[in-house]
Amino acid sequence: MPDSTSTGRPRRPTRRPAFTPRPLAQTQGPDPDAPLAEVRLTVGVVAGAHGVEGEVKVRLTTDDPDHLATIERLYLGDSLSPVRHLGLRFHRGMALLTLPGVTTPEAARALTGIPLRIAGSDARPLEANEYYLYQVVGIAVRTEAGDALGTVVDVIETGANDVFVIRPDDGGADLLLPSIPDVVIDLRPAEGVMIVRPLTYYGE
């Protein structure tokens, strides 16, 4: 039976406004020039409680959850003091954490929205052509001919490949470039270098 108000009219569902995340350049994150050993890398965000014993449910933002299972020192939010978890397991794409002192669903829910971080020194070593997202934010981008295109302000993870969001210095519309060899021909975050070959569309 459809839900109704006191007037007998059907109640319209409440629609939440679409969530649009801020570009990485507008969020608090590691300094791109900071040594990896000094940064804290976000690997997930607390999404609530799981069960009745205080397990913390974490929505993962890392592409290497198996490595996360080997790490004992975790950081909650901006805390400088690590927490040694008492247990970690995975369930339906989420990480379920048992943390010291968190023994009730209410205590677990109180942590909702807090980023879960690891020390950069505990991260898996990068392989060739790999980088951390924070390392490319702020890099100046130019073409093969040396023409300046703007600055990287965000990285969109699509699943197939990353897409760099480049903001022109003249205030024009953002430029989206996929991170593929035919477009990004040289990327060295540690040196602040990104050289690209923009896509050419017929009719331009």
N, C-alpha and C. Protein backbone atom coordinates (compact mmCIF):
# COMPACT_ATOMS: atom_id res chain seq x y z
N MET A 1 0.85 -1.19 0.00
CA MET A 1 0.00 0.00 0.00
C MET A 1 0.89 1.24 0.00
N PRO A 2 0.63 2.18 -0.94
CA PRO A 2 1.50 3.36 -1.00
C PRO A 2 1.39 4.22 0.22
N ASP A 3 2.53 4.80 0.61
CA ASP A 3 2.56 5.71 1.74
C ASP A 3 1.80 6.98 1.37
N SER A 4 1.16 7.63 2.33
CA SER A 4 0.40 8.83 2.02
C SER A 4 0.47 9.80 3.18
N THR A 5 0.18 11.04 2.90
CA THR A 5 0.16 12.06 3.93
C THR A 5 -1.23 12.11 4.53
N SER A 6 -1.43 13.02 5.50
CA SER A 6 -2.73 13.12 6.15
C SER A 6 -3.81 13.61 5.21
N THR A 7 -3.41 14.19 4.06
CA THR A 7 -4.39 14.68 3.10
C THR A 7 -4.81 13.59 2.13
N GLY A 8 -4.17 12.44 2.22
CA GLY A 8 -4.51 11.35 1.32
C GLY A 8 -3.75 11.38 0.01
N ARG A 9 -2.90 12.39 -0.20
CA ARG A 9 -2.12 12.47 -1.42
C ARG A 9 -0.85 11.64 -1.30
N PRO A 10 -0.41 11.03 -2.40
CA PRO A 10 0.84 10.25 -2.33
C PRO A 10 2.01 11.13 -1.91
N ARG A 11 2.88 10.59 -1.10
CA ARG A 11 4.06 11.33 -0.63
C ARG A 11 5.18 11.18 -1.64
N ARG A 12 5.65 12.29 -2.11
CA ARG A 12 6.73 12.24 -3.09
C ARG A 12 8.05 11.91 -2.40
N PRO A 13 8.86 11.04 -3.03
CA PRO A 13 10.15 10.72 -2.42
C PRO A 13 11.06 11.94 -2.40
N THR A 14 11.84 12.05 -1.33
CA THR A 14 12.80 13.14 -1.20
C THR A 14 14.07 12.78 -1.94
N ARG A 15 14.48 13.64 -2.82
CA ARG A 15 15.69 13.39 -3.61
C ARG A 15 16.85 14.22 -3.07
N ARG A 16 17.94 13.53 -2.80
CA ARG A 16 19.13 14.24 -2.33
C ARG A 16 19.86 14.83 -3.52
N PRO A 17 20.44 16.01 -3.34
CA PRO A 17 21.22 16.59 -4.43
C PRO A 17 22.44 15.73 -4.73
N ALA A 18 22.80 15.69 -6.01
CA ALA A 18 23.96 14.89 -6.40
C ALA A 18 25.21 15.40 -5.71
N PHE A 19 26.05 14.46 -5.25
CA PHE A 19 27.29 14.82 -4.57
C PHE A 19 28.40 15.00 -5.61
N THR A 20 29.02 16.15 -5.59
CA THR A 20 30.14 16.42 -6.50
C THR A 20 31.39 16.66 -5.67
N PRO A 21 32.32 15.70 -5.70
CA PRO A 21 33.54 15.88 -4.89
C PRO A 21 34.36 17.06 -5.37
N ARG A 22 35.05 17.70 -4.44
CA ARG A 22 35.91 18.82 -4.79
C ARG A 22 37.16 18.31 -5.50
N PRO A 23 37.72 19.12 -6.40
CA PRO A 23 39.00 18.73 -7.01
C PRO A 23 40.04 18.52 -5.93
N LEU A 24 40.99 17.65 -6.22
CA LEU A 24 42.03 17.35 -5.24
C LEU A 24 42.79 18.61 -4.83
N ALA A 25 42.93 19.57 -5.75
CA ALA A 25 43.66 20.79 -5.43
C ALA A 25 42.95 21.61 -4.36
N GLN A 26 41.66 21.37 -4.15
CA GLN A 26 40.90 22.12 -3.16
C GLN A 26 40.72 21.36 -1.85
N THR A 27 41.32 20.21 -1.74
CA THR A 27 41.19 19.41 -0.53
C THR A 27 42.52 19.40 0.22
N GLN A 28 42.42 19.07 1.50
CA GLN A 28 43.63 19.00 2.31
C GLN A 28 44.35 17.69 2.01
N GLY A 29 45.57 17.78 1.61
CA GLY A 29 46.32 16.58 1.28
C GLY A 29 47.81 16.82 1.43
N PRO A 30 48.62 15.80 1.20
CA PRO A 30 50.06 15.96 1.36
C PRO A 30 50.61 16.99 0.38
N ASP A 31 51.66 17.67 0.78
CA ASP A 31 52.39 18.56 -0.11
C ASP A 31 53.02 17.69 -1.20
N PRO A 32 52.78 18.00 -2.48
CA PRO A 32 53.36 17.19 -3.55
C PRO A 32 54.87 17.05 -3.48
N ASP A 33 55.54 18.01 -2.82
CA ASP A 33 57.01 17.95 -2.72
C ASP A 33 57.50 17.22 -1.48
N ALA A 34 56.58 16.81 -0.61
CA ALA A 34 56.99 16.16 0.64
C ALA A 34 57.53 14.76 0.38
N PRO A 35 58.58 14.37 1.08
CA PRO A 35 59.10 12.99 0.95
C PRO A 35 58.02 12.00 1.37
N LEU A 36 57.98 10.87 0.69
CA LEU A 36 56.95 9.88 0.95
C LEU A 36 56.92 9.44 2.41
N ALA A 37 58.09 9.35 3.04
CA ALA A 37 58.15 8.90 4.43
C ALA A 37 57.45 9.85 5.39
N GLU A 38 57.22 11.10 4.95
CA GLU A 38 56.63 12.10 5.84
C GLU A 38 55.13 12.30 5.61
N VAL A 39 54.55 11.63 4.63
CA VAL A 39 53.14 11.87 4.31
C VAL A 39 52.27 10.76 4.88
N ARG A 40 50.99 11.04 4.95
CA ARG A 40 49.98 10.06 5.32
C ARG A 40 49.06 9.87 4.12
N LEU A 41 48.89 8.65 3.67
CA LEU A 41 48.11 8.36 2.47
C LEU A 41 46.73 7.84 2.87
N THR A 42 45.71 8.44 2.31
CA THR A 42 44.34 8.00 2.60
C THR A 42 44.04 6.71 1.86
N VAL A 43 43.60 5.69 2.59
CA VAL A 43 43.28 4.40 1.99
C VAL A 43 41.80 4.07 2.10
N GLY A 44 41.04 4.92 2.80
CA GLY A 44 39.61 4.67 2.94
C GLY A 44 38.95 5.74 3.79
N VAL A 45 37.64 5.65 3.88
CA VAL A 45 36.86 6.57 4.70
C VAL A 45 35.86 5.75 5.51
N VAL A 46 35.78 6.01 6.80
CA VAL A 46 34.85 5.27 7.67
C VAL A 46 33.41 5.51 7.20
N ALA A 47 32.70 4.42 6.97
CA ALA A 47 31.35 4.51 6.42
C ALA A 47 30.27 4.10 7.42
N GLY A 48 30.67 3.77 8.66
CA GLY A 48 29.68 3.41 9.65
C GLY A 48 30.08 2.19 10.44
N ALA A 49 29.07 1.55 11.02
CA ALA A 49 29.30 0.38 11.87
C ALA A 49 28.86 -0.88 11.15
N HIS A 50 29.45 -1.99 11.56
CA HIS A 50 29.05 -3.30 11.04
C HIS A 50 28.82 -4.23 12.22
N GLY A 51 27.63 -4.76 12.31
CA GLY A 51 27.32 -5.67 13.40
C GLY A 51 27.11 -4.95 14.72
N VAL A 52 27.15 -5.72 15.80
CA VAL A 52 26.82 -5.17 17.11
C VAL A 52 28.02 -5.12 18.06
N GLU A 53 29.20 -5.46 17.56
CA GLU A 53 30.37 -5.51 18.44
C GLU A 53 31.36 -4.38 18.19
N GLY A 54 30.95 -3.37 17.41
CA GLY A 54 31.81 -2.21 17.23
C GLY A 54 32.77 -2.26 16.06
N GLU A 55 32.57 -3.23 15.15
CA GLU A 55 33.42 -3.23 13.96
C GLU A 55 33.15 -1.97 13.16
N VAL A 56 34.22 -1.40 12.62
CA VAL A 56 34.14 -0.18 11.84
C VAL A 56 34.17 -0.54 10.36
N LYS A 57 33.19 -0.04 9.62
CA LYS A 57 33.09 -0.30 8.19
C LYS A 57 33.80 0.81 7.43
N VAL A 58 34.70 0.44 6.52
CA VAL A 58 35.52 1.42 5.80
C VAL A 58 35.33 1.26 4.30
N ARG A 59 34.94 2.36 3.64
CA ARG A 59 34.87 2.38 2.18
C ARG A 59 36.28 2.63 1.65
N LEU A 60 36.82 1.67 0.93
CA LEU A 60 38.22 1.72 0.52
C LEU A 60 38.44 2.66 -0.66
N THR A 61 39.55 3.37 -0.63
CA THR A 61 39.96 4.21 -1.75
C THR A 61 41.31 3.76 -2.30
N THR A 62 41.83 2.67 -1.77
CA THR A 62 43.09 2.12 -2.26
C THR A 62 42.82 1.05 -3.30
N ASP A 63 43.72 0.93 -4.28
CA ASP A 63 43.58 -0.13 -5.28
C ASP A 63 44.38 -1.37 -4.89
N ASP A 64 44.89 -1.39 -3.66
CA ASP A 64 45.68 -2.53 -3.20
C ASP A 64 45.25 -2.94 -1.79
N PRO A 65 43.99 -3.39 -1.63
CA PRO A 65 43.52 -3.75 -0.29
C PRO A 65 44.28 -4.90 0.35
N ASP A 66 44.82 -5.80 -0.46
CA ASP A 66 45.56 -6.92 0.12
C ASP A 66 46.78 -6.42 0.89
N HIS A 67 47.41 -5.36 0.38
CA HIS A 67 48.56 -4.81 1.10
C HIS A 67 48.12 -4.16 2.41
N LEU A 68 46.92 -3.57 2.39
CA LEU A 68 46.40 -2.94 3.60
C LEU A 68 46.30 -3.95 4.74
N ALA A 69 45.98 -5.20 4.39
CA ALA A 69 45.84 -6.22 5.41
C ALA A 69 47.16 -6.54 6.12
N THR A 70 48.28 -6.12 5.54
CA THR A 70 49.59 -6.40 6.16
C THR A 70 50.06 -5.26 7.06
N ILE A 71 49.30 -4.17 7.10
CA ILE A 71 49.72 -2.98 7.85
C ILE A 71 49.02 -2.93 9.20
N GLU A 72 49.77 -2.72 10.24
CA GLU A 72 49.20 -2.67 11.59
C GLU A 72 48.96 -1.24 12.06
N ARG A 73 49.80 -0.30 11.64
CA ARG A 73 49.68 1.08 12.09
C ARG A 73 48.74 1.86 11.18
N LEU A 74 47.67 2.37 11.74
CA LEU A 74 46.70 3.17 10.98
C LEU A 74 46.51 4.51 11.67
N TYR A 75 46.11 5.50 10.90
CA TYR A 75 45.87 6.84 11.42
C TYR A 75 44.44 7.25 11.11
N LEU A 76 43.74 7.72 12.12
CA LEU A 76 42.37 8.18 11.96
C LEU A 76 42.35 9.69 11.78
N GLY A 77 41.86 10.15 10.64
CA GLY A 77 41.78 11.57 10.38
C GLY A 77 43.14 12.23 10.42
N ASP A 78 43.23 13.35 11.13
CA ASP A 78 44.47 14.11 11.20
C ASP A 78 45.33 13.75 12.40
N SER A 79 44.96 12.68 13.10
CA SER A 79 45.72 12.28 14.27
C SER A 79 47.16 11.93 13.89
N LEU A 80 48.10 12.37 14.72
CA LEU A 80 49.51 12.06 14.49
C LEU A 80 49.93 10.78 15.20
N SER A 81 49.02 10.25 16.02
CA SER A 81 49.32 9.03 16.78
C SER A 81 48.68 7.82 16.09
N PRO A 82 49.46 6.82 15.74
CA PRO A 82 48.89 5.66 15.07
C PRO A 82 48.05 4.80 16.00
N VAL A 83 47.14 4.06 15.40
CA VAL A 83 46.33 3.09 16.12
C VAL A 83 46.67 1.71 15.57
N ARG A 84 46.90 0.77 16.45
CA ARG A 84 47.16 -0.61 16.02
C ARG A 84 45.84 -1.37 16.08
N HIS A 85 45.33 -1.70 14.90
CA HIS A 85 44.03 -2.37 14.86
C HIS A 85 44.12 -3.79 15.43
N LEU A 86 43.00 -4.28 15.89
CA LEU A 86 42.93 -5.62 16.49
C LEU A 86 42.45 -6.67 15.51
N GLY A 87 42.09 -6.22 14.33
CA GLY A 87 41.62 -7.16 13.33
C GLY A 87 41.13 -6.44 12.09
N LEU A 88 41.33 -7.04 10.92
CA LEU A 88 40.88 -6.46 9.67
C LEU A 88 40.45 -7.58 8.73
N ARG A 89 39.26 -7.42 8.17
CA ARG A 89 38.79 -8.38 7.18
C ARG A 89 37.99 -7.63 6.13
N PHE A 90 37.69 -8.31 5.03
CA PHE A 90 36.98 -7.67 3.93
C PHE A 90 35.61 -8.31 3.74
N HIS A 91 34.64 -7.46 3.41
CA HIS A 91 33.27 -7.95 3.25
C HIS A 91 32.54 -7.05 2.27
N ARG A 92 32.13 -7.63 1.14
CA ARG A 92 31.36 -6.90 0.13
C ARG A 92 32.02 -5.60 -0.30
N GLY A 93 33.31 -5.67 -0.57
CA GLY A 93 34.04 -4.52 -1.05
C GLY A 93 34.45 -3.52 0.02
N MET A 94 34.10 -3.80 1.26
CA MET A 94 34.45 -2.92 2.37
C MET A 94 35.52 -3.59 3.24
N ALA A 95 36.25 -2.76 3.99
CA ALA A 95 37.14 -3.28 5.02
C ALA A 95 36.42 -3.16 6.35
N LEU A 96 36.50 -4.18 7.17
CA LEU A 96 35.90 -4.18 8.50
C LEU A 96 37.02 -4.21 9.52
N LEU A 97 37.09 -3.16 10.33
CA LEU A 97 38.17 -2.99 11.27
C LEU A 97 37.69 -3.14 12.71
N THR A 98 38.52 -3.78 13.52
CA THR A 98 38.30 -3.80 14.97
C THR A 98 39.36 -2.90 15.58
N LEU A 99 38.91 -1.82 16.24
CA LEU A 99 39.83 -0.84 16.79
C LEU A 99 39.78 -0.83 18.31
N PRO A 100 40.89 -0.54 18.96
CA PRO A 100 40.90 -0.48 20.43
C PRO A 100 39.90 0.55 20.95
N GLY A 101 39.12 0.16 21.95
CA GLY A 101 38.18 1.07 22.57
C GLY A 101 36.88 1.28 21.82
N VAL A 102 36.76 0.73 20.62
CA VAL A 102 35.53 0.85 19.84
C VAL A 102 34.81 -0.50 19.94
N THR A 103 33.85 -0.58 20.85
CA THR A 103 33.22 -1.87 21.14
C THR A 103 31.71 -1.87 20.94
N THR A 104 31.15 -0.76 20.51
CA THR A 104 29.70 -0.69 20.30
C THR A 104 29.42 -0.07 18.93
N PRO A 105 28.24 -0.36 18.36
CA PRO A 105 27.88 0.26 17.08
C PRO A 105 27.85 1.78 17.16
N GLU A 106 27.44 2.30 18.31
CA GLU A 106 27.39 3.75 18.48
C GLU A 106 28.78 4.37 18.38
N ALA A 107 29.75 3.72 19.00
CA ALA A 107 31.13 4.23 18.96
C ALA A 107 31.70 4.14 17.54
N ALA A 108 31.33 3.08 16.82
CA ALA A 108 31.80 2.93 15.45
C ALA A 108 31.17 3.98 14.54
N ARG A 109 29.87 4.21 14.71
CA ARG A 109 29.18 5.20 13.88
C ARG A 109 29.69 6.61 14.14
N ALA A 110 30.18 6.86 15.33
CA ALA A 110 30.71 8.19 15.65
C ALA A 110 31.95 8.54 14.82
N LEU A 111 32.57 7.54 14.23
CA LEU A 111 33.76 7.76 13.40
C LEU A 111 33.42 7.97 11.93
N THR A 112 32.15 7.89 11.57
CA THR A 112 31.72 8.00 10.18
C THR A 112 32.25 9.28 9.53
N GLY A 113 32.81 9.12 8.34
CA GLY A 113 33.34 10.26 7.59
C GLY A 113 34.80 10.56 7.83
N ILE A 114 35.40 9.90 8.82
CA ILE A 114 36.81 10.15 9.13
C ILE A 114 37.70 9.36 8.16
N PRO A 115 38.68 10.01 7.53
CA PRO A 115 39.59 9.29 6.64
C PRO A 115 40.46 8.31 7.41
N LEU A 116 40.75 7.19 6.78
CA LEU A 116 41.68 6.21 7.33
C LEU A 116 42.96 6.30 6.52
N ARG A 117 44.08 6.51 7.21
CA ARG A 117 45.34 6.76 6.52
C ARG A 117 46.43 5.79 6.99
N ILE A 118 47.45 5.68 6.15
CA ILE A 118 48.64 4.90 6.50
C ILE A 118 49.86 5.79 6.30
N ALA A 119 50.95 5.44 6.95
CA ALA A 119 52.20 6.16 6.75
C ALA A 119 52.74 5.85 5.36
N GLY A 120 53.31 6.88 4.72
CA GLY A 120 53.88 6.66 3.40
C GLY A 120 54.94 5.58 3.40
N SER A 121 55.66 5.46 4.52
CA SER A 121 56.72 4.45 4.61
C SER A 121 56.15 3.04 4.65
N ASP A 122 54.85 2.90 4.96
CA ASP A 122 54.22 1.58 4.99
C ASP A 122 53.57 1.20 3.67
N ALA A 123 53.56 2.13 2.72
CA ALA A 123 52.92 1.86 1.43
C ALA A 123 53.75 0.88 0.61
N ARG A 124 53.08 0.17 -0.26
CA ARG A 124 53.79 -0.73 -1.17
C ARG A 124 54.68 0.10 -2.10
N PRO A 125 55.93 -0.32 -2.31
CA PRO A 125 56.81 0.44 -3.21
C PRO A 125 56.19 0.56 -4.60
N LEU A 126 56.32 1.74 -5.18
CA LEU A 126 55.77 1.97 -6.51
C LEU A 126 56.59 1.23 -7.57
N GLU A 127 55.88 0.75 -8.58
CA GLU A 127 56.55 0.15 -9.71
C GLU A 127 56.76 1.21 -10.79
N ALA A 128 57.41 0.83 -11.87
CA ALA A 128 57.68 1.77 -12.96
C ALA A 128 56.37 2.36 -13.47
N ASN A 129 56.36 3.66 -13.70
CA ASN A 129 55.21 4.41 -14.24
C ASN A 129 54.03 4.50 -13.27
N GLU A 130 54.25 4.18 -11.99
CA GLU A 130 53.21 4.36 -10.99
C GLU A 130 53.47 5.64 -10.20
N TYR A 131 52.42 6.19 -9.62
CA TYR A 131 52.55 7.43 -8.86
C TYR A 131 51.37 7.51 -7.90
N TYR A 132 51.51 8.37 -6.90
CA TYR A 132 50.40 8.67 -6.00
C TYR A 132 49.67 9.89 -6.54
N LEU A 133 48.35 9.92 -6.37
CA LEU A 133 47.58 11.01 -6.94
C LEU A 133 48.04 12.37 -6.46
N TYR A 134 48.41 12.47 -5.16
CA TYR A 134 48.80 13.77 -4.64
C TYR A 134 50.05 14.31 -5.32
N GLN A 135 50.85 13.42 -5.93
CA GLN A 135 52.11 13.85 -6.53
C GLN A 135 51.92 14.59 -7.85
N VAL A 136 50.77 14.43 -8.50
CA VAL A 136 50.59 15.08 -9.80
C VAL A 136 49.80 16.38 -9.69
N VAL A 137 49.15 16.61 -8.54
CA VAL A 137 48.39 17.84 -8.36
C VAL A 137 49.34 19.03 -8.30
N GLY A 138 49.07 20.03 -9.14
CA GLY A 138 49.91 21.22 -9.16
C GLY A 138 50.99 21.19 -10.23
N ILE A 139 51.16 20.06 -10.94
CA ILE A 139 52.16 19.99 -11.99
C ILE A 139 51.73 20.84 -13.18
N ALA A 140 52.65 21.62 -13.72
CA ALA A 140 52.39 22.39 -14.93
C ALA A 140 52.47 21.46 -16.13
N VAL A 141 51.52 21.60 -17.04
CA VAL A 141 51.42 20.71 -18.20
C VAL A 141 51.74 21.49 -19.46
N ARG A 142 52.55 20.89 -20.33
CA ARG A 142 52.85 21.52 -21.61
C ARG A 142 52.82 20.48 -22.72
N THR A 143 52.70 20.97 -23.95
CA THR A 143 52.68 20.09 -25.11
C THR A 143 54.10 19.77 -25.55
N GLU A 144 54.21 18.89 -26.55
CA GLU A 144 55.53 18.56 -27.10
C GLU A 144 56.24 19.79 -27.65
N ALA A 145 55.44 20.74 -28.17
CA ALA A 145 56.02 21.96 -28.74
C ALA A 145 56.39 22.98 -27.67
N GLY A 146 56.08 22.68 -26.41
CA GLY A 146 56.43 23.59 -25.34
C GLY A 146 55.34 24.57 -24.95
N ASP A 147 54.15 24.42 -25.55
CA ASP A 147 53.04 25.32 -25.22
C ASP A 147 52.44 24.95 -23.87
N ALA A 148 52.26 25.95 -23.02
CA ALA A 148 51.69 25.70 -21.69
C ALA A 148 50.19 25.48 -21.81
N LEU A 149 49.69 24.40 -21.16
CA LEU A 149 48.26 24.10 -21.20
C LEU A 149 47.56 24.47 -19.89
N GLY A 150 48.29 24.45 -18.79
CA GLY A 150 47.68 24.74 -17.50
C GLY A 150 48.29 23.89 -16.41
N THR A 151 47.50 23.66 -15.37
CA THR A 151 47.98 22.95 -14.19
C THR A 151 47.02 21.83 -13.83
N VAL A 152 47.56 20.69 -13.42
CA VAL A 152 46.71 19.58 -12.98
C VAL A 152 46.05 19.94 -11.65
N VAL A 153 44.71 19.89 -11.61
CA VAL A 153 43.97 20.21 -10.38
C VAL A 153 43.22 19.00 -9.83
N ASP A 154 43.09 17.95 -10.64
CA ASP A 154 42.34 16.79 -10.16
C ASP A 154 42.69 15.59 -11.01
N VAL A 155 42.40 14.40 -10.47
CA VAL A 155 42.57 13.15 -11.18
C VAL A 155 41.29 12.35 -11.01
N ILE A 156 40.65 12.00 -12.12
CA ILE A 156 39.41 11.22 -12.08
C ILE A 156 39.77 9.76 -12.34
N GLU A 157 39.37 8.90 -11.41
CA GLU A 157 39.62 7.46 -11.56
C GLU A 157 38.40 6.82 -12.19
N THR A 158 38.54 6.35 -13.42
CA THR A 158 37.40 5.79 -14.15
C THR A 158 37.34 4.27 -14.09
N GLY A 159 38.40 3.64 -13.64
CA GLY A 159 38.44 2.18 -13.65
C GLY A 159 39.30 1.67 -14.80
N ALA A 160 39.10 2.26 -16.00
CA ALA A 160 39.91 1.86 -17.15
C ALA A 160 41.26 2.57 -17.13
N ASN A 161 41.22 3.87 -16.95
CA ASN A 161 42.45 4.65 -16.82
C ASN A 161 42.12 5.96 -16.10
N ASP A 162 43.16 6.58 -15.54
CA ASP A 162 42.95 7.87 -14.88
C ASP A 162 42.74 8.95 -15.94
N VAL A 163 42.03 10.00 -15.53
CA VAL A 163 41.84 11.16 -16.40
C VAL A 163 42.34 12.39 -15.64
N PHE A 164 43.27 13.12 -16.23
CA PHE A 164 43.81 14.31 -15.61
C PHE A 164 42.93 15.51 -15.94
N VAL A 165 42.61 16.29 -14.90
CA VAL A 165 41.85 17.52 -15.09
C VAL A 165 42.84 18.67 -15.06
N ILE A 166 42.96 19.37 -16.19
CA ILE A 166 43.95 20.43 -16.33
C ILE A 166 43.22 21.77 -16.43
N ARG A 167 43.58 22.68 -15.55
CA ARG A 167 42.95 24.00 -15.53
C ARG A 167 43.86 25.01 -16.22
N PRO A 168 43.39 25.59 -17.33
CA PRO A 168 44.22 26.57 -18.05
C PRO A 168 44.52 27.80 -17.20
N ASP A 169 45.67 28.40 -17.42
CA ASP A 169 46.06 29.58 -16.66
C ASP A 169 45.21 30.79 -17.03
N ASP A 170 44.58 30.77 -18.23
CA ASP A 170 43.79 31.92 -18.66
C ASP A 170 42.35 31.86 -18.18
N GLY A 171 42.02 30.84 -17.35
CA GLY A 171 40.68 30.75 -16.80
C GLY A 171 39.67 30.09 -17.70
N GLY A 172 40.11 29.47 -18.78
CA GLY A 172 39.19 28.79 -19.68
C GLY A 172 38.66 27.50 -19.08
N ALA A 173 37.88 26.77 -19.88
CA ALA A 173 37.28 25.51 -19.42
C ALA A 173 38.36 24.47 -19.15
N ASP A 174 38.10 23.63 -18.14
CA ASP A 174 39.04 22.58 -17.81
C ASP A 174 39.23 21.63 -18.99
N LEU A 175 40.42 21.11 -19.11
CA LEU A 175 40.77 20.16 -20.16
C LEU A 175 40.92 18.78 -19.53
N LEU A 176 40.26 17.79 -20.10
CA LEU A 176 40.33 16.42 -19.59
C LEU A 176 41.19 15.58 -20.53
N LEU A 177 42.24 14.99 -19.97
CA LEU A 177 43.14 14.17 -20.78
C LEU A 177 43.31 12.80 -20.14
N PRO A 178 43.03 11.73 -20.89
CA PRO A 178 43.20 10.39 -20.33
C PRO A 178 44.67 10.05 -20.15
N SER A 179 44.96 9.31 -19.11
CA SER A 179 46.34 8.89 -18.84
C SER A 179 46.64 7.64 -19.66
N ILE A 180 46.87 7.86 -20.94
CA ILE A 180 47.24 6.78 -21.85
C ILE A 180 48.50 7.20 -22.60
N PRO A 181 49.32 6.24 -23.05
CA PRO A 181 50.61 6.58 -23.66
C PRO A 181 50.50 7.50 -24.87
N ASP A 182 49.42 7.40 -25.65
CA ASP A 182 49.29 8.24 -26.83
C ASP A 182 49.03 9.70 -26.49
N VAL A 183 48.61 9.98 -25.25
CA VAL A 183 48.28 11.35 -24.85
C VAL A 183 49.31 11.89 -23.86
N VAL A 184 49.56 11.14 -22.80
CA VAL A 184 50.57 11.57 -21.81
C VAL A 184 51.87 10.88 -22.19
N ILE A 185 52.72 11.62 -22.83
CA ILE A 185 53.93 10.99 -23.38
C ILE A 185 55.12 11.05 -22.43
N ASP A 186 55.03 11.88 -21.40
CA ASP A 186 56.10 11.93 -20.40
C ASP A 186 55.52 12.44 -19.09
N LEU A 187 55.62 11.63 -18.06
CA LEU A 187 55.11 12.01 -16.74
C LEU A 187 56.13 11.60 -15.69
N ARG A 188 56.70 12.62 -15.05
CA ARG A 188 57.67 12.39 -13.98
C ARG A 188 57.30 13.30 -12.81
N PRO A 189 56.39 12.82 -11.94
CA PRO A 189 55.90 13.67 -10.84
C PRO A 189 57.02 14.20 -9.96
N ALA A 190 58.01 13.37 -9.69
CA ALA A 190 59.09 13.81 -8.79
C ALA A 190 59.85 15.01 -9.35
N GLU A 191 59.82 15.16 -10.70
CA GLU A 191 60.52 16.26 -11.35
C GLU A 191 59.56 17.36 -11.79
N GLY A 192 58.27 17.17 -11.52
CA GLY A 192 57.29 18.17 -11.93
C GLY A 192 57.10 18.27 -13.42
N VAL A 193 57.22 17.13 -14.13
CA VAL A 193 57.15 17.14 -15.58
C VAL A 193 55.93 16.37 -16.07
N MET A 194 55.12 17.02 -16.92
CA MET A 194 54.06 16.33 -17.65
C MET A 194 53.99 16.94 -19.05
N ILE A 195 54.30 16.11 -20.02
CA ILE A 195 54.23 16.53 -21.42
C ILE A 195 53.16 15.70 -22.10
N VAL A 196 52.27 16.39 -22.80
CA VAL A 196 51.11 15.69 -23.36
C VAL A 196 50.96 15.98 -24.84
N ARG A 197 50.21 15.11 -25.49
CA ARG A 197 49.82 15.28 -26.88
C ARG A 197 48.29 15.28 -26.90
N PRO A 198 47.67 16.48 -26.83
CA PRO A 198 46.21 16.54 -26.73
C PRO A 198 45.53 15.79 -27.86
N LEU A 199 44.36 15.25 -27.55
CA LEU A 199 43.56 14.54 -28.54
C LEU A 199 43.08 15.51 -29.59
N THR A 200 43.05 15.04 -30.83
CA THR A 200 42.54 15.84 -31.94
C THR A 200 41.25 15.22 -32.43
N TYR A 201 40.18 16.02 -32.49
CA TYR A 201 38.89 15.54 -32.93
C TYR A 201 38.60 16.08 -34.34
N TYR A 202 37.94 15.25 -35.14
CA TYR A 202 37.57 15.69 -36.48
C TYR A 202 36.65 16.91 -36.40
N GLY A 203 36.88 17.87 -37.26
CA GLY A 203 36.05 19.06 -37.30
C GLY A 203 36.65 20.21 -36.54
N GLU A 204 37.73 19.94 -35.78
CA GLU A 204 38.38 21.03 -35.04
C GLU A 204 39.29 21.83 -35.95
